[in-house]
Amino acid sequence: MALLFKSDVDRAEVWQDAIATLLPELEFRNWPEVGDPAEIEYALVWHPPRGELAKLPNLKAIFSLGAGIDHLASDPDLPKDVPVVRMVDQSLTLGMTEFVVMSVLRHHRRIHDYELQQRQKTWEQHVTPLAWQRKVGILGLGVLGSDAADKLNYLGFDVAGWSRSEKNVPGVTSFSGEEGLRPFLERSEILVCLLPLTENTKGILNAETLALLPRGAYLVNAGRGQHMVPGDVLAALNSGQLAAATLDVFPEEPLPQDSPFWDHPKVLVTPHGASITSPITAAEALAESIKCLREGQPLQNVVDFDRGY
């Protein structure tokens, strides 16, 4: 009985130690050292090579190392009869909420302007609204979006959220469906994207949607790079429709050296690090899921590929 591990970041030993503490009977195999494929019952992966998981005849579950599952959905040979489980982990949620709150506060208090002024040795104060006067919009009210919305609401912001179906987060105004997107965008002075990547959300941050925001709005994208049409975001920044942006994800990663985002004075670039899965707490979620499988209990957070998340 073995688990196959595949990550883009070389932290295999840390993961092995965390998993061994909770599942000592489970042999840990770090890809590409697969060994006998028939012995592998579980896969904990990020960006596995296409077709690799289809080579494991006794695979019982596939666990994503992160919240996103598009790196698995893009594999045409992904085993159709094996459940895929999203990573839902307290450290992942907390990390994302920290990033979102930091980014919203940075834009709300115009820290990016002060950073520019420091380089120019300019001494100028900017009067900003109080939190309750600032309308923040969260695209995506799943586990990550709901927690971020809740914490922003606690800080006093006027928070709204948009999702595919109606959600109920106390203190947060909820918009849903195609008919709710326009009024949601029209009120969002700081827009945060935490959507899952589906065919319907791909390219959602485009010229048309950005034009619906109040002029001088701010953008935070910590969802997926494919949510964004880069040229449209740049045009909105250059025209003043967007006052500034914090971008953690991009259609091409690592971000190419010649990308105009690197040197844009209104953009903060972070390297897809808004929230990184912690092996210690994620191993607990993994162990709980494997326990459910062994006891014939229903798995939690199983991906519905028809919905895309």
C-alpha atoms as a PDB file:
ATOM      1  CA  MET A   1       0.000   0.000   0.000  1.00  0.00           C
ATOM      2  CA  ALA A   2       1.613   3.243  -1.167  1.00  0.00           C
ATOM      3  CA  LEU A   3       1.017   6.927  -1.840  1.00  0.00           C
ATOM      4  CA  LEU A   4       2.493   8.690  -4.876  1.00  0.00           C
ATOM      5  CA  PHE A   5       3.637  12.283  -4.243  1.00  0.00           C
ATOM      6  CA  LYS A   6       4.286  14.828  -7.002  1.00  0.00           C
ATOM      7  CA  SER A   7       4.943  18.508  -6.427  1.00  0.00           C
ATOM      8  CA  ASP A   8       6.453  21.418  -8.372  1.00  0.00           C
ATOM      9  CA  VAL A   9       8.242  22.479  -5.170  1.00  0.00           C
ATOM     10  CA  ASP A  10      10.815  20.114  -3.688  1.00  0.00           C
ATOM     11  CA  ARG A  11       9.443  19.652  -0.169  1.00  0.00           C
ATOM     12  CA  ALA A  12       9.014  15.896  -0.385  1.00  0.00           C
ATOM     13  CA  GLU A  13      10.863  15.119   2.864  1.00  0.00           C
ATOM     14  CA  VAL A  14       8.674  17.530   4.853  1.00  0.00           C
ATOM     15  CA  TRP A  15       5.522  15.974   3.402  1.00  0.00           C
ATOM     16  CA  GLN A  16       6.836  12.454   3.980  1.00  0.00           C
ATOM     17  CA  ASP A  17       7.504  13.182   7.652  1.00  0.00           C
ATOM     18  CA  ALA A  18       4.084  14.786   8.174  1.00  0.00           C
ATOM     19  CA  ILE A  19       2.241  11.896   6.519  1.00  0.00           C
ATOM     20  CA  ALA A  20       4.310   9.212   8.258  1.00  0.00           C
ATOM     21  CA  THR A  21       3.302  10.630  11.639  1.00  0.00           C
ATOM     22  CA  LEU A  22      -0.378   9.989  10.881  1.00  0.00           C
ATOM     23  CA  LEU A  23      -0.192   7.099   8.401  1.00  0.00           C
ATOM     24  CA  PRO A  24       2.968   5.141   9.252  1.00  0.00           C
ATOM     25  CA  GLU A  25       1.783   2.080   7.338  1.00  0.00           C
ATOM     26  CA  LEU A  26       1.583   4.036   4.061  1.00  0.00           C
ATOM     27  CA  GLU A  27       4.696   3.839   1.874  1.00  0.00           C
ATOM     28  CA  PHE A  28       5.644   7.259   0.494  1.00  0.00           C
ATOM     29  CA  ARG A  29       6.891   7.365  -3.103  1.00  0.00           C
ATOM     30  CA  ASN A  30       8.178  10.598  -4.580  1.00  0.00           C
ATOM     31  CA  TRP A  31       7.597  10.843  -8.339  1.00  0.00           C
ATOM     32  CA  PRO A  32       9.240   9.787 -10.627  1.00  0.00           C
ATOM     33  CA  GLU A  33      10.287   6.933  -8.297  1.00  0.00           C
ATOM     34  CA  VAL A  34       6.964   5.123  -8.769  1.00  0.00           C
ATOM     35  CA  GLY A  35       8.070   1.551  -8.116  1.00  0.00           C
ATOM     36  CA  ASP A  36       5.369  -1.047  -8.754  1.00  0.00           C
ATOM     37  CA  PRO A  37       2.365   0.980 -10.026  1.00  0.00           C
ATOM     38  CA  ALA A  38      -0.057  -1.686  -8.782  1.00  0.00           C
ATOM     39  CA  GLU A  39       0.915  -0.945  -5.160  1.00  0.00           C
ATOM     40  CA  ILE A  40      -0.120   2.716  -5.299  1.00  0.00           C
ATOM     41  CA  GLU A  41      -3.604   3.356  -3.893  1.00  0.00           C
ATOM     42  CA  TYR A  42      -3.455   7.139  -3.361  1.00  0.00           C
ATOM     43  CA  ALA A  43      -1.913  10.066  -5.221  1.00  0.00           C
ATOM     44  CA  LEU A  44      -1.136  13.472  -3.665  1.00  0.00           C
ATOM     45  CA  VAL A  45      -0.159  15.626  -6.606  1.00  0.00           C
ATOM     46  CA  TRP A  46       0.301  18.995  -8.241  1.00  0.00           C
ATOM     47  CA  HIS A  47       0.708  19.167 -12.029  1.00  0.00           C
ATOM     48  CA  PRO A  48       1.319  15.448 -12.612  1.00  0.00           C
ATOM     49  CA  PRO A  49       2.412  14.638 -16.173  1.00  0.00           C
ATOM     50  CA  ARG A  50      -0.535  13.886 -18.447  1.00  0.00           C
ATOM     51  CA  GLY A  51      -1.426  10.237 -18.469  1.00  0.00           C
ATOM     52  CA  GLU A  52       0.712   9.411 -15.422  1.00  0.00           C
ATOM     53  CA  LEU A  53      -2.185   8.726 -13.054  1.00  0.00           C
ATOM     54  CA  ALA A  54      -3.886   6.479 -15.616  1.00  0.00           C
ATOM     55  CA  LYS A  55      -0.928   4.079 -15.235  1.00  0.00           C
ATOM     56  CA  LEU A  56      -1.912   3.263 -11.630  1.00  0.00           C
ATOM     57  CA  PRO A  57      -4.422   0.353 -11.856  1.00  0.00           C
ATOM     58  CA  ASN A  58      -5.402   0.255  -8.151  1.00  0.00           C
ATOM     59  CA  LEU A  59      -5.710   3.985  -7.511  1.00  0.00           C
ATOM     60  CA  LYS A  60      -8.514   4.730  -5.030  1.00  0.00           C
ATOM     61  CA  ALA A  61      -8.308   8.530  -4.722  1.00  0.00           C
ATOM     62  CA  ILE A  62      -6.461  11.520  -6.160  1.00  0.00           C
ATOM     63  CA  PHE A  63      -5.731  14.409  -3.785  1.00  0.00           C
ATOM     64  CA  SER A  64      -4.844  17.857  -5.106  1.00  0.00           C
ATOM     65  CA  LEU A  65      -1.965  19.538  -3.281  1.00  0.00           C
ATOM     66  CA  GLY A  66      -3.707  22.894  -3.646  1.00  0.00           C
ATOM     67  CA  ALA A  67      -7.168  24.393  -3.759  1.00  0.00           C
ATOM     68  CA  GLY A  68      -7.247  24.390  -7.572  1.00  0.00           C
ATOM     69  CA  ILE A  69      -7.975  21.310  -9.656  1.00  0.00           C
ATOM     70  CA  ASP A  70      -7.477  22.664 -13.208  1.00  0.00           C
ATOM     71  CA  HIS A  71      -4.023  21.008 -13.276  1.00  0.00           C
ATOM     72  CA  LEU A  72      -5.906  17.685 -13.063  1.00  0.00           C
ATOM     73  CA  ALA A  73      -8.953  18.574 -15.146  1.00  0.00           C
ATOM     74  CA  SER A  74      -6.675  19.358 -18.096  1.00  0.00           C
ATOM     75  CA  ASP A  75      -5.467  15.737 -18.241  1.00  0.00           C
ATOM     76  CA  PRO A  76      -7.579  13.932 -20.886  1.00  0.00           C
ATOM     77  CA  ASP A  77      -6.449  10.563 -19.502  1.00  0.00           C
ATOM     78  CA  LEU A  78      -7.395  11.253 -15.895  1.00  0.00           C
ATOM     79  CA  PRO A  79      -9.097   8.092 -14.528  1.00  0.00           C
ATOM     80  CA  LYS A  80     -12.836   8.786 -14.661  1.00  0.00           C
ATOM     81  CA  ASP A  81     -13.787   6.344 -11.912  1.00  0.00           C
ATOM     82  CA  VAL A  82     -11.362   7.655  -9.281  1.00  0.00           C
ATOM     83  CA  PRO A  83     -12.559  10.482  -6.988  1.00  0.00           C
ATOM     84  CA  VAL A  84     -10.546  13.701  -7.038  1.00  0.00           C
ATOM     85  CA  VAL A  85     -10.443  15.581  -3.736  1.00  0.00           C
ATOM     86  CA  ARG A  86      -9.832  19.329  -3.435  1.00  0.00           C
ATOM     87  CA  MET A  87      -7.438  20.512  -0.755  1.00  0.00           C
ATOM     88  CA  VAL A  88      -9.509  22.144   1.961  1.00  0.00           C
ATOM     89  CA  ASP A  89      -7.164  22.894   4.830  1.00  0.00           C
ATOM     90  CA  GLN A  90      -7.250  25.435   7.648  1.00  0.00           C
ATOM     91  CA  SER A  91      -3.742  26.728   6.915  1.00  0.00           C
ATOM     92  CA  LEU A  92      -4.547  27.178   3.222  1.00  0.00           C
ATOM     93  CA  THR A  93      -7.694  29.127   4.107  1.00  0.00           C
ATOM     94  CA  LEU A  94      -5.917  31.248   6.714  1.00  0.00           C
ATOM     95  CA  GLY A  95      -3.055  32.035   4.353  1.00  0.00           C
ATOM     96  CA  MET A  96      -5.404  33.186   1.607  1.00  0.00           C
ATOM     97  CA  THR A  97      -7.428  35.307   4.015  1.00  0.00           C
ATOM     98  CA  GLU A  98      -4.214  36.964   5.235  1.00  0.00           C
ATOM     99  CA  PHE A  99      -3.215  37.746   1.653  1.00  0.00           C
ATOM    100  CA  VAL A 100      -6.630  39.137   0.720  1.00  0.00           C
ATOM    101  CA  VAL A 101      -6.945  41.280   3.850  1.00  0.00           C
ATOM    102  CA  MET A 102      -3.402  42.601   3.357  1.00  0.00           C
ATOM    103  CA  SER A 103      -4.080  43.435  -0.299  1.00  0.00           C
ATOM    104  CA  VAL A 104      -7.428  45.105   0.374  1.00  0.00           C
ATOM    105  CA  LEU A 105      -5.963  47.212   3.187  1.00  0.00           C
ATOM    106  CA  ARG A 106      -2.974  48.139   1.013  1.00  0.00           C
ATOM    107  CA  HIS A 107      -5.251  49.474  -1.716  1.00  0.00           C
ATOM    108  CA  HIS A 108      -7.786  50.960   0.682  1.00  0.00           C
ATOM    109  CA  ARG A 109      -5.075  53.034   2.384  1.00  0.00           C
ATOM    110  CA  ARG A 110      -3.291  53.771  -0.943  1.00  0.00           C
ATOM    111  CA  ILE A 111      -0.009  52.310   0.248  1.00  0.00           C
ATOM    112  CA  HIS A 112       1.035  51.766  -3.372  1.00  0.00           C
ATOM    113  CA  ASP A 113       0.891  55.557  -3.871  1.00  0.00           C
ATOM    114  CA  TYR A 114       3.075  56.128  -0.830  1.00  0.00           C
ATOM    115  CA  GLU A 115       5.582  53.584  -2.126  1.00  0.00           C
ATOM    116  CA  LEU A 116       5.829  55.531  -5.375  1.00  0.00           C
ATOM    117  CA  GLN A 117       6.105  58.814  -3.501  1.00  0.00           C
ATOM    118  CA  GLN A 118       8.952  57.463  -1.380  1.00  0.00           C
ATOM    119  CA  ARG A 119      10.968  56.630  -4.494  1.00  0.00           C
ATOM    120  CA  GLN A 120      10.256  60.142  -5.776  1.00  0.00           C
ATOM    121  CA  LYS A 121      10.939  61.734  -2.351  1.00  0.00           C
ATOM    122  CA  THR A 122       7.462  63.303  -2.425  1.00  0.00           C
ATOM    123  CA  TRP A 123       5.741  64.237   0.859  1.00  0.00           C
ATOM    124  CA  GLU A 124       1.978  64.204   0.251  1.00  0.00           C
ATOM    125  CA  GLN A 125      -0.879  62.876   2.359  1.00  0.00           C
ATOM    126  CA  HIS A 126      -3.916  61.101   0.903  1.00  0.00           C
ATOM    127  CA  VAL A 127      -7.274  61.151   2.653  1.00  0.00           C
ATOM    128  CA  THR A 128      -8.976  57.758   2.337  1.00  0.00           C
ATOM    129  CA  PRO A 129     -12.523  56.646   3.207  1.00  0.00           C
ATOM    130  CA  LEU A 130     -13.343  54.819   6.406  1.00  0.00           C
ATOM    131  CA  ALA A 131     -13.686  51.052   6.058  1.00  0.00           C
ATOM    132  CA  TRP A 132     -17.490  51.135   6.199  1.00  0.00           C
ATOM    133  CA  GLN A 133     -17.458  53.601   3.290  1.00  0.00           C
ATOM    134  CA  ARG A 134     -15.416  51.241   1.085  1.00  0.00           C
ATOM    135  CA  LYS A 135     -17.226  48.636  -1.019  1.00  0.00           C
ATOM    136  CA  VAL A 136     -15.258  45.418  -1.460  1.00  0.00           C
ATOM    137  CA  GLY A 137     -16.384  42.674  -3.861  1.00  0.00           C
ATOM    138  CA  ILE A 138     -15.291  39.042  -3.635  1.00  0.00           C
ATOM    139  CA  LEU A 139     -15.653  36.993  -6.820  1.00  0.00           C
ATOM    140  CA  GLY A 140     -16.182  33.477  -5.482  1.00  0.00           C
ATOM    141  CA  LEU A 141     -17.758  32.629  -2.135  1.00  0.00           C
ATOM    142  CA  GLY A 142     -16.394  29.138  -1.650  1.00  0.00           C
ATOM    143  CA  VAL A 143     -14.338  28.123   1.380  1.00  0.00           C
ATOM    144  CA  LEU A 144     -11.592  30.679   0.669  1.00  0.00           C
ATOM    145  CA  GLY A 145     -13.841  33.519  -0.465  1.00  0.00           C
ATOM    146  CA  SER A 146     -16.309  33.134   2.382  1.00  0.00           C
ATOM    147  CA  ASP A 147     -13.591  33.271   5.021  1.00  0.00           C
ATOM    148  CA  ALA A 148     -11.944  36.331   3.445  1.00  0.00           C
ATOM    149  CA  ALA A 149     -15.337  38.064   3.161  1.00  0.00           C
ATOM    150  CA  ASP A 150     -16.094  37.304   6.806  1.00  0.00           C
ATOM    151  CA  LYS A 151     -12.794  38.786   8.028  1.00  0.00           C
ATOM    152  CA  LEU A 152     -13.173  41.918   5.862  1.00  0.00           C
ATOM    153  CA  ASN A 153     -16.682  42.349   7.195  1.00  0.00           C
ATOM    154  CA  TYR A 154     -15.273  42.112  10.733  1.00  0.00           C
ATOM    155  CA  LEU A 155     -12.891  44.969   9.893  1.00  0.00           C
ATOM    156  CA  GLY A 156     -15.895  47.077   8.929  1.00  0.00           C
ATOM    157  CA  PHE A 157     -15.774  46.968   5.125  1.00  0.00           C
ATOM    158  CA  ASP A 158     -18.979  46.963   3.076  1.00  0.00           C
ATOM    159  CA  VAL A 159     -18.498  43.500   1.586  1.00  0.00           C
ATOM    160  CA  ALA A 160     -20.403  41.793  -1.213  1.00  0.00           C
ATOM    161  CA  GLY A 161     -19.782  38.467  -2.892  1.00  0.00           C
ATOM    162  CA  TRP A 162     -20.671  36.908  -6.217  1.00  0.00           C
ATOM    163  CA  SER A 163     -20.904  33.188  -6.912  1.00  0.00           C
ATOM    164  CA  ARG A 164     -22.442  30.747  -9.372  1.00  0.00           C
ATOM    165  CA  SER A 165     -25.252  29.957  -6.952  1.00  0.00           C
ATOM    166  CA  GLU A 166     -26.563  32.027  -4.066  1.00  0.00           C
ATOM    167  CA  LYS A 167     -24.510  31.844  -0.864  1.00  0.00           C
ATOM    168  CA  ASN A 168     -25.270  33.068   2.623  1.00  0.00           C
ATOM    169  CA  VAL A 169     -22.363  34.647   4.505  1.00  0.00           C
ATOM    170  CA  PRO A 170     -23.528  36.686   7.520  1.00  0.00           C
ATOM    171  CA  GLY A 171     -22.946  40.393   6.992  1.00  0.00           C
ATOM    172  CA  VAL A 172     -22.070  39.956   3.314  1.00  0.00           C
ATOM    173  CA  THR A 173     -24.367  41.022   0.471  1.00  0.00           C
ATOM    174  CA  SER A 174     -24.766  38.085  -1.906  1.00  0.00           C
ATOM    175  CA  PHE A 175     -25.075  38.250  -5.695  1.00  0.00           C
ATOM    176  CA  SER A 176     -25.310  35.183  -7.904  1.00  0.00           C
ATOM    177  CA  GLY A 177     -25.708  34.003 -11.465  1.00  0.00           C
ATOM    178  CA  GLU A 178     -25.304  35.889 -14.702  1.00  0.00           C
ATOM    179  CA  GLU A 179     -27.980  38.417 -13.736  1.00  0.00           C
ATOM    180  CA  GLY A 180     -26.157  39.304 -10.507  1.00  0.00           C
ATOM    181  CA  LEU A 181     -22.711  39.924 -11.995  1.00  0.00           C
ATOM    182  CA  ARG A 182     -23.310  43.415 -13.383  1.00  0.00           C
ATOM    183  CA  PRO A 183     -24.768  44.999 -10.196  1.00  0.00           C
ATOM    184  CA  PHE A 184     -22.046  43.263  -8.174  1.00  0.00           C
ATOM    185  CA  LEU A 185     -19.275  44.730 -10.328  1.00  0.00           C
ATOM    186  CA  GLU A 186     -20.841  48.193 -10.440  1.00  0.00           C
ATOM    187  CA  ARG A 187     -20.541  48.489  -6.656  1.00  0.00           C
ATOM    188  CA  SER A 188     -17.071  46.932  -6.226  1.00  0.00           C
ATOM    189  CA  GLU A 189     -14.432  49.570  -5.508  1.00  0.00           C
ATOM    190  CA  ILE A 190     -11.919  46.841  -4.606  1.00  0.00           C
ATOM    191  CA  LEU A 191     -12.476  43.632  -6.568  1.00  0.00           C
ATOM    192  CA  VAL A 192     -10.962  40.365  -5.316  1.00  0.00           C
ATOM    193  CA  CYS A 193     -11.015  37.276  -7.561  1.00  0.00           C
ATOM    194  CA  LEU A 194     -11.023  33.916  -5.763  1.00  0.00           C
ATOM    195  CA  LEU A 195     -13.096  31.964  -8.268  1.00  0.00           C
ATOM    196  CA  PRO A 196     -12.443  28.376  -9.309  1.00  0.00           C
ATOM    197  CA  LEU A 197     -11.323  28.075 -12.919  1.00  0.00           C
ATOM    198  CA  THR A 198     -14.096  26.771 -15.173  1.00  0.00           C
ATOM    199  CA  GLU A 199     -15.114  27.344 -18.783  1.00  0.00           C
ATOM    200  CA  ASN A 200     -17.530  30.002 -17.516  1.00  0.00           C
ATOM    201  CA  THR A 201     -14.973  31.874 -15.395  1.00  0.00           C
ATOM    202  CA  LYS A 202     -12.040  31.740 -17.811  1.00  0.00           C
ATOM    203  CA  GLY A 203     -11.219  35.306 -18.924  1.00  0.00           C
ATOM    204  CA  ILE A 204     -13.789  36.850 -16.582  1.00  0.00           C
ATOM    205  CA  LEU A 205     -11.443  39.748 -15.799  1.00  0.00           C
ATOM    206  CA  ASN A 206     -11.724  41.361 -19.220  1.00  0.00           C
ATOM    207  CA  ALA A 207     -12.380  44.761 -20.797  1.00  0.00           C
ATOM    208  CA  GLU A 208     -16.151  44.419 -20.509  1.00  0.00           C
ATOM    209  CA  THR A 209     -16.265  43.406 -16.846  1.00  0.00           C
ATOM    210  CA  LEU A 210     -13.516  45.802 -15.756  1.00  0.00           C
ATOM    211  CA  ALA A 211     -15.406  48.674 -17.413  1.00  0.00           C
ATOM    212  CA  LEU A 212     -18.360  48.003 -15.096  1.00  0.00           C
ATOM    213  CA  LEU A 213     -16.284  48.734 -11.984  1.00  0.00           C
ATOM    214  CA  PRO A 214     -16.357  52.267 -10.532  1.00  0.00           C
ATOM    215  CA  ARG A 215     -13.613  54.316 -12.189  1.00  0.00           C
ATOM    216  CA  GLY A 216     -10.428  54.137 -10.143  1.00  0.00           C
ATOM    217  CA  ALA A 217     -11.237  50.722  -8.688  1.00  0.00           C
ATOM    218  CA  TYR A 218      -8.602  48.267  -7.491  1.00  0.00           C
ATOM    219  CA  LEU A 219      -8.071  44.641  -8.552  1.00  0.00           C
ATOM    220  CA  VAL A 220      -6.711  41.705  -6.542  1.00  0.00           C
ATOM    221  CA  ASN A 221      -6.372  38.424  -8.448  1.00  0.00           C
ATOM    222  CA  ALA A 222      -5.443  35.446  -6.284  1.00  0.00           C
ATOM    223  CA  GLY A 223      -7.652  32.942  -8.124  1.00  0.00           C
ATOM    224  CA  ARG A 224      -6.153  31.622 -11.363  1.00  0.00           C
ATOM    225  CA  GLY A 225      -4.097  33.339 -14.029  1.00  0.00           C
ATOM    226  CA  GLN A 226      -6.565  32.288 -16.726  1.00  0.00           C
ATOM    227  CA  HIS A 227      -9.261  34.403 -15.064  1.00  0.00           C
ATOM    228  CA  MET A 228      -7.424  37.434 -16.395  1.00  0.00           C
ATOM    229  CA  VAL A 229      -7.060  38.796 -19.917  1.00  0.00           C
ATOM    230  CA  PRO A 230      -3.644  40.452 -19.432  1.00  0.00           C
ATOM    231  CA  GLY A 231      -3.967  43.028 -22.202  1.00  0.00           C
ATOM    232  CA  ASP A 232      -7.355  44.154 -20.898  1.00  0.00           C
ATOM    233  CA  VAL A 233      -6.036  44.543 -17.344  1.00  0.00           C
ATOM    234  CA  LEU A 234      -3.078  46.572 -18.610  1.00  0.00           C
ATOM    235  CA  ALA A 235      -5.374  48.784 -20.684  1.00  0.00           C
ATOM    236  CA  ALA A 236      -7.599  49.402 -17.659  1.00  0.00           C
ATOM    237  CA  LEU A 237      -4.561  50.335 -15.573  1.00  0.00           C
ATOM    238  CA  ASN A 238      -3.198  52.668 -18.229  1.00  0.00           C
ATOM    239  CA  SER A 239      -6.544  54.405 -18.749  1.00  0.00           C
ATOM    240  CA  GLY A 240      -7.141  54.952 -15.031  1.00  0.00           C
ATOM    241  CA  GLN A 241     -10.183  52.658 -14.946  1.00  0.00           C
ATOM    242  CA  LEU A 242      -8.087  50.621 -12.503  1.00  0.00           C
ATOM    243  CA  ALA A 243      -6.079  52.671 -10.013  1.00  0.00           C
ATOM    244  CA  ALA A 244      -3.818  49.730  -9.112  1.00  0.00           C
ATOM    245  CA  ALA A 245      -3.691  45.940  -8.995  1.00  0.00           C
ATOM    246  CA  THR A 246      -2.226  43.126  -6.900  1.00  0.00           C
ATOM    247  CA  LEU A 247      -1.633  40.103  -9.110  1.00  0.00           C
ATOM    248  CA  ASP A 248      -0.561  36.757  -7.683  1.00  0.00           C
ATOM    249  CA  VAL A 249      -1.413  34.529 -10.650  1.00  0.00           C
ATOM    250  CA  PHE A 250      -0.848  34.797 -14.401  1.00  0.00           C
ATOM    251  CA  PRO A 251      -1.775  32.812 -17.530  1.00  0.00           C
ATOM    252  CA  GLU A 252       1.915  31.973 -18.018  1.00  0.00           C
ATOM    253  CA  GLU A 253       3.998  31.105 -14.959  1.00  0.00           C
ATOM    254  CA  PRO A 254       6.671  31.925 -14.052  1.00  0.00           C
ATOM    255  CA  LEU A 255       5.817  35.405 -15.343  1.00  0.00           C
ATOM    256  CA  PRO A 256       8.032  36.006 -18.416  1.00  0.00           C
ATOM    257  CA  GLN A 257      10.877  38.468 -17.926  1.00  0.00           C
ATOM    258  CA  ASP A 258       9.530  40.718 -20.696  1.00  0.00           C
ATOM    259  CA  SER A 259       6.039  41.001 -19.175  1.00  0.00           C
ATOM    260  CA  PRO A 260       4.981  44.650 -18.729  1.00  0.00           C
ATOM    261  CA  PHE A 261       3.505  43.753 -15.336  1.00  0.00           C
ATOM    262  CA  TRP A 262       6.994  43.536 -13.785  1.00  0.00           C
ATOM    263  CA  ASP A 263       7.731  47.242 -14.217  1.00  0.00           C
ATOM    264  CA  HIS A 264       4.235  48.699 -14.150  1.00  0.00           C
ATOM    265  CA  PRO A 265       4.101  51.404 -11.446  1.00  0.00           C
ATOM    266  CA  LYS A 266       0.533  50.456 -10.458  1.00  0.00           C
ATOM    267  CA  VAL A 267       1.081  46.710 -10.099  1.00  0.00           C
ATOM    268  CA  LEU A 268       2.337  44.520  -7.279  1.00  0.00           C
ATOM    269  CA  VAL A 269       3.448  41.115  -8.611  1.00  0.00           C
ATOM    270  CA  THR A 270       3.651  38.148  -6.237  1.00  0.00           C
ATOM    271  CA  PRO A 271       4.794  34.681  -7.470  1.00  0.00           C
ATOM    272  CA  HIS A 272       1.654  32.552  -6.994  1.00  0.00           C
ATOM    273  CA  GLY A 273       2.324  32.530  -3.273  1.00  0.00           C
ATOM    274  CA  ALA A 274      -0.866  34.014  -1.835  1.00  0.00           C
ATOM    275  CA  SER A 275      -1.380  30.823   0.154  1.00  0.00           C
ATOM    276  CA  ILE A 276       0.795  27.717   0.251  1.00  0.00           C
ATOM    277  CA  THR A 277      -0.376  24.379   1.617  1.00  0.00           C
ATOM    278  CA  SER A 278       1.156  23.465   4.986  1.00  0.00           C
ATOM    279  CA  PRO A 279       2.213  19.787   5.137  1.00  0.00           C
ATOM    280  CA  ILE A 280       1.463  19.549   8.871  1.00  0.00           C
ATOM    281  CA  THR A 281      -2.208  20.531   8.679  1.00  0.00           C
ATOM    282  CA  ALA A 282      -2.817  19.195   5.170  1.00  0.00           C
ATOM    283  CA  ALA A 283      -1.595  15.757   6.227  1.00  0.00           C
ATOM    284  CA  GLU A 284      -4.401  15.722   8.804  1.00  0.00           C
ATOM    285  CA  ALA A 285      -6.974  16.361   6.066  1.00  0.00           C
ATOM    286  CA  LEU A 286      -5.380  13.644   3.919  1.00  0.00           C
ATOM    287  CA  ALA A 287      -5.424  11.141   6.771  1.00  0.00           C
ATOM    288  CA  GLU A 288      -9.083  11.870   7.509  1.00  0.00           C
ATOM    289  CA  SER A 289     -10.017  11.299   3.858  1.00  0.00           C
ATOM    290  CA  ILE A 290      -8.105   8.019   3.687  1.00  0.00           C
ATOM    291  CA  LYS A 291      -9.799   6.909   6.906  1.00  0.00           C
ATOM    292  CA  CYS A 292     -13.199   7.613   5.292  1.00  0.00           C
ATOM    293  CA  LEU A 293     -12.251   5.537   2.268  1.00  0.00           C
ATOM    294  CA  ARG A 294     -11.105   2.614   4.380  1.00  0.00           C
ATOM    295  CA  GLU A 295     -14.284   2.675   6.474  1.00  0.00           C
ATOM    296  CA  GLY A 296     -16.595   3.068   3.494  1.00  0.00           C
ATOM    297  CA  GLN A 297     -17.650   6.572   4.557  1.00  0.00           C
ATOM    298  CA  PRO A 298     -18.412   9.305   1.984  1.00  0.00           C
ATOM    299  CA  LEU A 299     -15.491  11.536   1.029  1.00  0.00           C
ATOM    300  CA  GLN A 300     -15.694  15.279   1.580  1.00  0.00           C
ATOM    301  CA  ASN A 301     -14.657  17.940  -0.966  1.00  0.00           C
ATOM    302  CA  VAL A 302     -14.888  15.620  -3.962  1.00  0.00           C
ATOM    303  CA  VAL A 303     -14.626  17.500  -7.265  1.00  0.00           C
ATOM    304  CA  ASP A 304     -17.670  17.684  -9.505  1.00  0.00           C
ATOM    305  CA  PHE A 305     -16.098  17.987 -12.946  1.00  0.00           C
ATOM    306  CA  ASP A 306     -19.430  18.941 -14.508  1.00  0.00           C
ATOM    307  CA  ARG A 307     -19.332  22.127 -12.400  1.00  0.00           C
ATOM    308  CA  GLY A 308     -15.573  22.468 -12.657  1.00  0.00           C
ATOM    309  CA  TYR A 309     -14.818  22.456  -8.910  1.00  0.00           C
END
